[in-house]
């Protein structure tokens, strides 16, 4: 893997929404599409990787990642946050940018003290490197109803070939059910 050091990971701003939309759209097989309005509404939950150019004008968005809090009904027993919309421009792949984005996203998520971080992915080996492990989709019903129910790619969350994975952030106390 060839390292690429001329980049900066930062919080996204409204001015980045179009570039994020284009980047996600560039990867229809790996990333669930998002409407530009959804990106704008959730811009505070996006990170972008910006290639550093010699001039400010030359800077461009080459990667993105986002996160979403998954709600629970009633008292939160197992608060979960999902990593989603991880994408890197093809010409910059395999240079550590995706890993840097995921690491930065995990660090931001940990501020909220969730019990677990969730991801649905085709790239299980990639997420295993961060400590994620596979789980049955049925254990993530709040995720399926929150996001997967509106997916236009598959008839049902259970026919979707993406693999559910979790990273335990805060162990559940003994006796917690």
N, C-alpha and C. Protein backbone atom coordinates (compact mmCIF):
# COMPACT_ATOMS: atom_id res chain seq x y z
N UNK A 1 0.85 -1.17 0.00
CA UNK A 1 0.00 0.00 0.00
C UNK A 1 0.90 1.23 0.00
N UNK A 2 0.68 2.11 -0.94
CA UNK A 2 1.45 3.34 -1.07
C UNK A 2 0.78 4.44 -0.26
N UNK A 3 1.51 5.02 0.67
CA UNK A 3 0.94 6.09 1.50
C UNK A 3 0.77 7.36 0.68
N UNK A 4 -0.24 8.12 1.04
CA UNK A 4 -0.52 9.39 0.38
C UNK A 4 -0.64 10.43 1.48
N UNK A 5 0.34 11.30 1.60
CA UNK A 5 0.39 12.21 2.75
C UNK A 5 -0.09 13.62 2.45
N UNK A 6 -0.35 13.95 1.21
CA UNK A 6 -0.74 15.31 0.86
C UNK A 6 -2.25 15.48 0.96
N UNK A 7 -2.80 15.18 2.12
CA UNK A 7 -4.23 15.34 2.31
C UNK A 7 -4.53 15.80 3.72
N UNK A 8 -5.75 16.26 3.89
CA UNK A 8 -6.21 16.74 5.19
C UNK A 8 -7.62 16.23 5.40
N UNK A 9 -7.88 15.63 6.55
CA UNK A 9 -9.23 15.21 6.91
C UNK A 9 -9.82 16.29 7.78
N UNK A 10 -11.03 16.71 7.43
CA UNK A 10 -11.68 17.80 8.17
C UNK A 10 -13.18 17.57 8.18
N UNK A 11 -13.86 18.33 9.04
CA UNK A 11 -15.31 18.32 9.05
C UNK A 11 -15.81 18.92 7.74
N UNK A 12 -16.87 18.35 7.21
CA UNK A 12 -17.46 18.87 5.98
C UNK A 12 -18.24 20.14 6.27
N UNK A 13 -18.37 20.97 5.25
CA UNK A 13 -19.19 22.17 5.32
C UNK A 13 -20.20 22.15 4.18
N UNK A 14 -21.14 23.07 4.22
CA UNK A 14 -22.17 23.10 3.17
C UNK A 14 -21.56 23.17 1.78
N UNK A 15 -20.44 23.86 1.64
CA UNK A 15 -19.80 23.99 0.33
C UNK A 15 -19.29 22.65 -0.21
N UNK A 16 -19.21 21.62 0.64
CA UNK A 16 -18.72 20.30 0.23
C UNK A 16 -19.82 19.35 -0.22
N UNK A 17 -21.07 19.73 -0.03
CA UNK A 17 -22.19 18.81 -0.29
C UNK A 17 -22.19 18.28 -1.73
N UNK A 18 -21.96 19.14 -2.70
CA UNK A 18 -21.95 18.70 -4.10
C UNK A 18 -20.85 17.70 -4.39
N UNK A 19 -19.66 17.94 -3.84
CA UNK A 19 -18.54 17.03 -4.04
C UNK A 19 -18.79 15.69 -3.34
N UNK A 20 -19.39 15.72 -2.16
CA UNK A 20 -19.73 14.49 -1.44
C UNK A 20 -20.74 13.69 -2.25
N UNK A 21 -21.77 14.37 -2.74
CA UNK A 21 -22.80 13.72 -3.56
C UNK A 21 -22.16 13.03 -4.77
N UNK A 22 -21.29 13.74 -5.47
CA UNK A 22 -20.64 13.19 -6.66
C UNK A 22 -19.77 11.99 -6.31
N UNK A 23 -19.07 12.07 -5.20
CA UNK A 23 -18.19 10.98 -4.77
C UNK A 23 -18.99 9.73 -4.42
N UNK A 24 -20.09 9.89 -3.70
CA UNK A 24 -20.94 8.75 -3.36
C UNK A 24 -21.54 8.15 -4.63
N UNK A 25 -21.99 9.00 -5.52
CA UNK A 25 -22.61 8.55 -6.78
C UNK A 25 -21.60 7.79 -7.65
N UNK A 26 -20.33 8.10 -7.49
CA UNK A 26 -19.25 7.45 -8.24
C UNK A 26 -19.09 5.98 -7.86
N UNK A 27 -19.67 5.57 -6.73
CA UNK A 27 -19.49 4.21 -6.21
C UNK A 27 -20.84 3.52 -5.96
N UNK A 28 -21.65 3.33 -7.01
CA UNK A 28 -23.00 2.79 -6.80
C UNK A 28 -23.05 1.35 -6.29
N UNK A 29 -22.01 0.58 -6.51
CA UNK A 29 -22.01 -0.81 -6.03
C UNK A 29 -21.65 -0.92 -4.56
N UNK A 30 -20.80 -0.02 -4.09
CA UNK A 30 -20.29 -0.12 -2.73
C UNK A 30 -20.98 0.80 -1.73
N UNK A 31 -21.56 1.89 -2.20
CA UNK A 31 -22.12 2.89 -1.29
C UNK A 31 -23.58 3.15 -1.64
N UNK A 32 -24.43 3.11 -0.62
CA UNK A 32 -25.85 3.38 -0.83
C UNK A 32 -26.01 4.84 -1.25
N UNK A 33 -26.78 5.09 -2.31
CA UNK A 33 -26.95 6.47 -2.77
C UNK A 33 -27.63 7.34 -1.71
N UNK A 34 -27.30 8.62 -1.73
CA UNK A 34 -27.92 9.59 -0.83
C UNK A 34 -28.33 10.80 -1.64
N UNK A 35 -29.49 11.33 -1.33
CA UNK A 35 -29.96 12.54 -1.99
C UNK A 35 -29.12 13.72 -1.52
N UNK A 36 -28.96 14.70 -2.38
CA UNK A 36 -28.20 15.89 -2.00
C UNK A 36 -28.83 16.57 -0.78
N UNK A 37 -30.17 16.54 -0.70
CA UNK A 37 -30.85 17.15 0.46
C UNK A 37 -30.49 16.41 1.75
N UNK A 38 -30.33 15.09 1.69
CA UNK A 38 -29.95 14.30 2.86
C UNK A 38 -28.52 14.65 3.29
N UNK A 39 -27.65 14.81 2.32
CA UNK A 39 -26.27 15.19 2.62
C UNK A 39 -26.23 16.56 3.29
N UNK A 40 -26.97 17.51 2.74
CA UNK A 40 -27.00 18.86 3.31
C UNK A 40 -27.57 18.83 4.73
N UNK A 41 -28.67 18.10 4.94
CA UNK A 41 -29.28 18.02 6.27
C UNK A 41 -28.34 17.42 7.30
N UNK A 42 -27.46 16.52 6.87
CA UNK A 42 -26.57 15.81 7.78
C UNK A 42 -25.11 16.20 7.61
N UNK A 43 -24.85 17.36 7.05
CA UNK A 43 -23.48 17.77 6.73
C UNK A 43 -22.60 17.80 7.98
N UNK A 44 -23.19 18.02 9.15
CA UNK A 44 -22.42 18.06 10.39
C UNK A 44 -21.91 16.68 10.81
N UNK A 45 -22.36 15.64 10.12
CA UNK A 45 -21.92 14.28 10.43
C UNK A 45 -21.03 13.70 9.35
N UNK A 46 -20.55 14.54 8.47
CA UNK A 46 -19.64 14.11 7.40
C UNK A 46 -18.23 14.60 7.65
N UNK A 47 -17.29 13.76 7.32
CA UNK A 47 -15.89 14.16 7.22
C UNK A 47 -15.52 14.10 5.75
N UNK A 48 -14.58 14.91 5.36
CA UNK A 48 -14.06 14.84 3.99
C UNK A 48 -12.54 14.77 4.05
N UNK A 49 -11.99 14.15 3.03
CA UNK A 49 -10.55 14.14 2.85
C UNK A 49 -10.27 15.05 1.67
N UNK A 50 -9.48 16.05 1.94
CA UNK A 50 -9.19 17.06 0.93
C UNK A 50 -7.74 16.90 0.48
N UNK A 51 -7.54 16.74 -0.83
CA UNK A 51 -6.18 16.69 -1.37
C UNK A 51 -5.61 18.09 -1.29
N UNK A 52 -4.43 18.20 -0.79
CA UNK A 52 -3.79 19.51 -0.67
C UNK A 52 -3.11 19.85 -1.99
N UNK A 53 -3.50 20.98 -2.53
CA UNK A 53 -2.86 21.49 -3.74
C UNK A 53 -1.91 22.61 -3.37
N UNK A 54 -1.16 23.06 -4.33
CA UNK A 54 -0.23 24.17 -4.07
C UNK A 54 -0.99 25.47 -3.83
N UNK A 55 -2.14 25.57 -4.47
CA UNK A 55 -2.98 26.75 -4.28
C UNK A 55 -4.31 26.29 -3.70
N UNK A 56 -4.94 27.13 -2.93
CA UNK A 56 -6.22 26.77 -2.33
C UNK A 56 -7.23 26.35 -3.39
N UNK A 57 -7.19 26.99 -4.55
CA UNK A 57 -8.11 26.67 -5.63
C UNK A 57 -7.95 25.22 -6.09
N UNK A 58 -6.73 24.68 -5.96
CA UNK A 58 -6.44 23.34 -6.46
C UNK A 58 -6.89 22.24 -5.51
N UNK A 59 -7.36 22.59 -4.32
CA UNK A 59 -7.80 21.56 -3.36
C UNK A 59 -9.10 20.93 -3.83
N UNK A 60 -9.21 19.62 -3.57
CA UNK A 60 -10.42 18.92 -3.99
C UNK A 60 -10.74 17.80 -3.00
N UNK A 61 -12.01 17.44 -2.95
CA UNK A 61 -12.47 16.37 -2.06
C UNK A 61 -12.19 15.04 -2.74
N UNK A 62 -11.42 14.17 -2.06
CA UNK A 62 -11.08 12.87 -2.64
C UNK A 62 -11.63 11.71 -1.82
N UNK A 63 -12.24 12.01 -0.66
CA UNK A 63 -12.81 10.96 0.17
C UNK A 63 -13.82 11.53 1.14
N UNK A 64 -14.68 10.64 1.63
CA UNK A 64 -15.69 11.06 2.60
C UNK A 64 -16.09 9.89 3.48
N UNK A 65 -16.63 10.20 4.63
CA UNK A 65 -17.23 9.22 5.54
C UNK A 65 -18.22 9.98 6.40
N UNK A 66 -19.24 9.27 6.86
CA UNK A 66 -20.26 9.90 7.70
C UNK A 66 -20.66 8.94 8.81
N UNK A 67 -21.43 9.46 9.74
CA UNK A 67 -21.95 8.64 10.83
C UNK A 67 -23.37 9.06 11.15
N UNK A 68 -24.10 8.16 11.79
CA UNK A 68 -25.50 8.42 12.14
C UNK A 68 -25.83 7.71 13.45
N UNK A 69 -26.46 8.42 14.35
CA UNK A 69 -26.92 7.82 15.60
C UNK A 69 -28.15 6.98 15.28
N UNK A 70 -28.17 5.75 15.77
CA UNK A 70 -29.31 4.87 15.54
C UNK A 70 -30.21 4.92 16.77
N UNK A 71 -31.44 5.39 16.60
CA UNK A 71 -32.33 5.56 17.75
C UNK A 71 -32.85 4.23 18.29
N UNK A 72 -33.20 4.27 19.55
CA UNK A 72 -33.85 3.13 20.20
C UNK A 72 -35.16 3.63 20.79
N UNK A 73 -36.11 2.76 20.88
CA UNK A 73 -37.39 3.11 21.51
C UNK A 73 -37.24 2.93 23.01
N UNK A 74 -37.65 3.94 23.76
CA UNK A 74 -37.53 3.87 25.21
C UNK A 74 -36.13 4.18 25.67
N UNK A 75 -35.76 3.63 26.82
CA UNK A 75 -34.44 3.88 27.40
C UNK A 75 -33.36 3.22 26.53
N UNK A 76 -32.32 3.97 26.24
CA UNK A 76 -31.23 3.43 25.41
C UNK A 76 -30.46 2.37 26.19
N UNK A 77 -30.58 1.14 25.74
CA UNK A 77 -29.89 0.03 26.40
C UNK A 77 -28.58 -0.32 25.70
N UNK A 78 -28.57 -0.09 24.41
CA UNK A 78 -27.40 -0.46 23.61
C UNK A 78 -27.17 0.63 22.56
N UNK A 79 -26.84 1.86 22.98
CA UNK A 79 -26.73 2.94 22.01
C UNK A 79 -25.72 2.61 20.91
N UNK A 80 -26.15 2.83 19.69
CA UNK A 80 -25.34 2.47 18.52
C UNK A 80 -25.22 3.66 17.58
N UNK A 81 -24.07 3.74 16.95
CA UNK A 81 -23.83 4.74 15.92
C UNK A 81 -23.29 4.02 14.70
N UNK A 82 -23.80 4.37 13.54
CA UNK A 82 -23.41 3.71 12.30
C UNK A 82 -22.41 4.56 11.52
N UNK A 83 -21.39 3.91 10.98
CA UNK A 83 -20.51 4.55 10.00
C UNK A 83 -21.10 4.25 8.64
N UNK A 84 -21.22 5.28 7.81
CA UNK A 84 -21.81 5.09 6.48
C UNK A 84 -21.16 6.02 5.47
N UNK A 85 -21.48 5.78 4.22
CA UNK A 85 -21.03 6.63 3.11
C UNK A 85 -19.51 6.80 3.05
N UNK A 86 -18.78 5.71 3.30
CA UNK A 86 -17.33 5.75 3.18
C UNK A 86 -16.98 5.57 1.70
N UNK A 87 -16.32 6.56 1.13
CA UNK A 87 -15.96 6.50 -0.29
C UNK A 87 -14.66 7.28 -0.53
N UNK A 88 -13.84 6.74 -1.42
CA UNK A 88 -12.59 7.39 -1.82
C UNK A 88 -12.53 7.33 -3.34
N UNK A 89 -12.12 8.43 -3.95
CA UNK A 89 -11.98 8.43 -5.41
C UNK A 89 -11.08 7.28 -5.83
N UNK A 90 -11.46 6.62 -6.92
CA UNK A 90 -10.73 5.44 -7.37
C UNK A 90 -9.22 5.67 -7.49
N UNK A 91 -8.81 6.77 -8.04
CA UNK A 91 -7.37 6.99 -8.26
C UNK A 91 -6.59 7.19 -6.97
N UNK A 92 -7.29 7.40 -5.84
CA UNK A 92 -6.62 7.58 -4.56
C UNK A 92 -6.79 6.38 -3.62
N UNK A 93 -7.38 5.31 -4.12
CA UNK A 93 -7.60 4.13 -3.28
C UNK A 93 -6.28 3.42 -3.00
N UNK A 94 -6.29 2.65 -1.91
CA UNK A 94 -5.15 1.84 -1.48
C UNK A 94 -3.94 2.71 -1.10
N UNK A 95 -4.25 3.88 -0.57
CA UNK A 95 -3.19 4.79 -0.11
C UNK A 95 -3.40 5.18 1.35
N UNK A 96 -4.32 4.50 2.03
CA UNK A 96 -4.56 4.77 3.45
C UNK A 96 -5.60 5.84 3.74
N UNK A 97 -6.21 6.39 2.70
CA UNK A 97 -7.19 7.46 2.90
C UNK A 97 -8.48 6.93 3.53
N UNK A 98 -8.98 5.80 3.03
CA UNK A 98 -10.17 5.20 3.62
C UNK A 98 -9.94 4.85 5.08
N UNK A 99 -8.78 4.28 5.38
CA UNK A 99 -8.44 3.95 6.77
C UNK A 99 -8.38 5.21 7.63
N UNK A 100 -7.77 6.25 7.12
CA UNK A 100 -7.68 7.50 7.88
C UNK A 100 -9.07 8.08 8.14
N UNK A 101 -9.94 8.01 7.15
CA UNK A 101 -11.31 8.51 7.32
C UNK A 101 -12.07 7.70 8.37
N UNK A 102 -11.94 6.37 8.31
CA UNK A 102 -12.64 5.52 9.28
C UNK A 102 -12.09 5.76 10.68
N UNK A 103 -10.78 5.85 10.83
CA UNK A 103 -10.19 6.12 12.15
C UNK A 103 -10.69 7.46 12.71
N UNK A 104 -10.70 8.48 11.88
CA UNK A 104 -11.17 9.80 12.32
C UNK A 104 -12.66 9.75 12.69
N UNK A 105 -13.44 9.00 11.93
CA UNK A 105 -14.87 8.87 12.22
C UNK A 105 -15.07 8.15 13.55
N UNK A 106 -14.33 7.06 13.77
CA UNK A 106 -14.44 6.32 15.03
C UNK A 106 -14.09 7.24 16.20
N UNK A 107 -13.06 8.04 16.08
CA UNK A 107 -12.68 8.96 17.16
C UNK A 107 -13.80 9.95 17.47
N UNK A 108 -14.44 10.48 16.45
CA UNK A 108 -15.55 11.42 16.68
C UNK A 108 -16.74 10.71 17.32
N UNK A 109 -17.01 9.50 16.87
CA UNK A 109 -18.13 8.73 17.42
C UNK A 109 -17.91 8.43 18.90
N UNK A 110 -16.71 8.11 19.28
CA UNK A 110 -16.42 7.72 20.67
C UNK A 110 -16.74 8.83 21.66
N UNK A 111 -16.79 10.08 21.22
CA UNK A 111 -17.16 11.20 22.12
C UNK A 111 -18.56 11.02 22.70
N UNK A 112 -19.40 10.26 22.00
CA UNK A 112 -20.79 10.07 22.42
C UNK A 112 -20.96 8.85 23.33
N UNK A 113 -19.91 8.09 23.53
CA UNK A 113 -19.91 6.91 24.40
C UNK A 113 -20.97 5.87 24.00
N UNK A 114 -21.01 5.48 22.73
CA UNK A 114 -21.97 4.44 22.35
C UNK A 114 -21.49 3.07 22.85
N UNK A 115 -22.41 2.14 22.93
CA UNK A 115 -22.03 0.76 23.26
C UNK A 115 -21.32 0.11 22.08
N UNK A 116 -21.77 0.48 20.87
CA UNK A 116 -21.18 -0.14 19.68
C UNK A 116 -21.25 0.79 18.48
N UNK A 117 -20.36 0.50 17.53
CA UNK A 117 -20.38 1.17 16.24
C UNK A 117 -20.78 0.11 15.22
N UNK A 118 -21.67 0.47 14.33
CA UNK A 118 -22.26 -0.46 13.36
C UNK A 118 -21.85 -0.07 11.95
N UNK A 119 -21.69 -1.07 11.10
CA UNK A 119 -21.46 -0.82 9.68
C UNK A 119 -22.09 -1.95 8.88
N UNK A 120 -22.68 -1.62 7.75
CA UNK A 120 -23.11 -2.61 6.77
C UNK A 120 -22.18 -2.43 5.58
N UNK A 121 -21.53 -3.51 5.16
CA UNK A 121 -20.45 -3.36 4.19
C UNK A 121 -20.28 -4.58 3.29
N UNK A 122 -19.63 -4.35 2.17
CA UNK A 122 -19.17 -5.44 1.30
C UNK A 122 -17.70 -5.72 1.58
N UNK A 123 -17.02 -4.84 2.30
CA UNK A 123 -15.58 -4.94 2.51
C UNK A 123 -15.27 -5.33 3.95
N UNK A 124 -15.62 -6.56 4.29
CA UNK A 124 -15.46 -7.03 5.67
C UNK A 124 -14.00 -7.04 6.12
N UNK A 125 -13.08 -7.42 5.23
CA UNK A 125 -11.67 -7.47 5.62
C UNK A 125 -11.17 -6.08 6.01
N UNK A 126 -11.61 -5.07 5.30
CA UNK A 126 -11.22 -3.69 5.61
C UNK A 126 -11.66 -3.32 7.02
N UNK A 127 -12.92 -3.58 7.37
CA UNK A 127 -13.42 -3.18 8.69
C UNK A 127 -12.90 -4.07 9.81
N UNK A 128 -12.53 -5.32 9.51
CA UNK A 128 -11.93 -6.18 10.53
C UNK A 128 -10.63 -5.57 11.06
N UNK A 129 -9.92 -4.85 10.23
CA UNK A 129 -8.66 -4.23 10.66
C UNK A 129 -8.86 -3.22 11.79
N UNK A 130 -10.08 -2.73 11.94
CA UNK A 130 -10.39 -1.77 13.00
C UNK A 130 -11.05 -2.43 14.21
N UNK A 131 -11.19 -3.76 14.16
CA UNK A 131 -11.78 -4.50 15.27
C UNK A 131 -13.24 -4.85 15.10
N UNK A 132 -13.84 -4.55 13.95
CA UNK A 132 -15.23 -4.92 13.71
C UNK A 132 -15.34 -6.43 13.53
N UNK A 133 -16.48 -6.99 13.93
CA UNK A 133 -16.75 -8.41 13.70
C UNK A 133 -18.16 -8.57 13.15
N UNK A 134 -18.37 -9.64 12.41
CA UNK A 134 -19.66 -9.89 11.78
C UNK A 134 -20.71 -10.26 12.81
N UNK A 135 -21.94 -9.78 12.58
CA UNK A 135 -23.09 -10.10 13.43
C UNK A 135 -24.29 -10.36 12.53
N UNK A 136 -25.27 -11.13 13.01
CA UNK A 136 -26.49 -11.31 12.21
C UNK A 136 -27.23 -9.98 12.05
N UNK A 137 -27.77 -9.74 10.88
CA UNK A 137 -28.51 -8.49 10.65
C UNK A 137 -29.68 -8.34 11.62
N UNK A 138 -30.25 -9.45 12.03
CA UNK A 138 -31.41 -9.40 12.93
C UNK A 138 -31.08 -8.72 14.26
N UNK A 139 -29.79 -8.65 14.62
CA UNK A 139 -29.42 -7.99 15.87
C UNK A 139 -29.38 -6.48 15.73
N UNK A 140 -29.58 -5.99 14.51
CA UNK A 140 -29.51 -4.55 14.24
C UNK A 140 -30.82 -4.03 13.67
N UNK A 141 -31.92 -4.46 14.24
CA UNK A 141 -33.22 -4.07 13.69
C UNK A 141 -33.41 -2.56 13.65
N UNK A 142 -32.89 -1.83 14.64
CA UNK A 142 -33.01 -0.37 14.63
C UNK A 142 -32.31 0.22 13.42
N UNK A 143 -31.19 -0.36 13.01
CA UNK A 143 -30.50 0.10 11.80
C UNK A 143 -31.33 -0.22 10.57
N UNK A 144 -31.87 -1.41 10.51
CA UNK A 144 -32.64 -1.82 9.34
C UNK A 144 -33.86 -0.93 9.15
N UNK A 145 -34.52 -0.57 10.23
CA UNK A 145 -35.69 0.29 10.11
C UNK A 145 -35.30 1.74 9.86
N UNK A 146 -34.18 2.16 10.38
CA UNK A 146 -33.77 3.55 10.24
C UNK A 146 -33.28 3.86 8.82
N UNK A 147 -32.48 3.01 8.27
CA UNK A 147 -31.86 3.31 6.98
C UNK A 147 -32.23 2.35 5.87
N UNK A 148 -32.17 1.08 6.17
CA UNK A 148 -32.36 0.08 5.12
C UNK A 148 -33.78 0.05 4.57
N UNK A 149 -34.73 0.43 5.35
CA UNK A 149 -36.12 0.37 4.92
C UNK A 149 -36.37 1.30 3.73
N UNK A 150 -35.57 2.35 3.59
CA UNK A 150 -35.73 3.29 2.49
C UNK A 150 -34.79 3.03 1.31
N UNK A 151 -34.03 1.96 1.40
CA UNK A 151 -33.07 1.64 0.34
C UNK A 151 -33.80 1.31 -0.96
N UNK A 152 -33.28 1.83 -2.04
CA UNK A 152 -33.89 1.57 -3.36
C UNK A 152 -33.15 0.48 -4.12
N UNK A 153 -32.12 -0.09 -3.53
CA UNK A 153 -31.33 -1.10 -4.24
C UNK A 153 -31.87 -2.52 -4.08
N UNK A 154 -32.50 -2.81 -2.93
CA UNK A 154 -32.96 -4.17 -2.65
C UNK A 154 -34.38 -4.14 -2.10
N UNK A 155 -35.12 -5.22 -2.32
CA UNK A 155 -36.51 -5.31 -1.87
C UNK A 155 -36.63 -5.34 -0.35
N UNK A 156 -35.65 -5.94 0.29
CA UNK A 156 -35.71 -6.12 1.73
C UNK A 156 -34.30 -6.02 2.30
N UNK A 157 -34.16 -5.54 3.52
CA UNK A 157 -32.83 -5.51 4.14
C UNK A 157 -32.21 -6.91 4.24
N UNK A 158 -33.07 -7.92 4.28
CA UNK A 158 -32.56 -9.28 4.45
C UNK A 158 -32.12 -9.91 3.13
N UNK A 159 -32.46 -9.28 2.00
CA UNK A 159 -31.96 -9.76 0.70
C UNK A 159 -30.73 -8.97 0.27
N UNK A 160 -30.42 -7.93 0.98
CA UNK A 160 -29.23 -7.12 0.69
C UNK A 160 -27.98 -7.95 1.02
N UNK A 161 -27.01 -7.99 0.12
CA UNK A 161 -25.81 -8.79 0.38
C UNK A 161 -24.79 -8.14 1.31
N UNK A 162 -25.03 -6.91 1.75
CA UNK A 162 -24.09 -6.28 2.67
C UNK A 162 -24.03 -7.08 3.98
N UNK A 163 -22.86 -7.09 4.59
CA UNK A 163 -22.63 -7.82 5.83
C UNK A 163 -22.69 -6.84 7.00
N UNK A 164 -23.42 -7.22 8.04
CA UNK A 164 -23.51 -6.40 9.24
C UNK A 164 -22.30 -6.68 10.13
N UNK A 165 -21.69 -5.61 10.61
CA UNK A 165 -20.53 -5.74 11.50
C UNK A 165 -20.66 -4.71 12.62
N UNK A 166 -20.10 -5.06 13.77
CA UNK A 166 -20.10 -4.12 14.89
C UNK A 166 -18.71 -4.07 15.53
N UNK A 167 -18.46 -2.94 16.16
CA UNK A 167 -17.26 -2.73 16.96
C UNK A 167 -17.75 -2.35 18.35
N UNK A 168 -17.45 -3.17 19.35
CA UNK A 168 -17.87 -2.87 20.71
C UNK A 168 -16.98 -1.75 21.24
N UNK A 169 -17.62 -0.68 21.68
CA UNK A 169 -16.89 0.48 22.19
C UNK A 169 -16.91 0.46 23.71
N UNK A 170 -18.07 0.21 24.26
CA UNK A 170 -18.24 0.22 25.70
C UNK A 170 -18.89 -1.11 26.08
N UNK A 171 -18.18 -1.98 26.78
CA UNK A 171 -18.77 -3.27 27.15
C UNK A 171 -20.04 -3.07 27.98
N UNK A 172 -21.00 -3.93 27.73
CA UNK A 172 -22.24 -3.87 28.50
C UNK A 172 -21.99 -4.39 29.91
N UNK A 173 -22.59 -3.74 30.91
CA UNK A 173 -22.40 -4.20 32.29
C UNK A 173 -22.97 -5.60 32.48
N UNK A 174 -22.37 -6.35 33.39
CA UNK A 174 -22.86 -7.70 33.69
C UNK A 174 -24.31 -7.61 34.13
N UNK A 175 -25.12 -8.49 33.61
CA UNK A 175 -26.53 -8.53 33.95
C UNK A 175 -27.41 -7.62 33.12
N UNK A 176 -26.81 -6.83 32.22
CA UNK A 176 -27.62 -5.95 31.35
C UNK A 176 -28.28 -6.80 30.30
N UNK A 177 -29.51 -6.58 30.08
CA UNK A 177 -30.23 -7.41 29.12
C UNK A 177 -30.75 -6.63 28.06
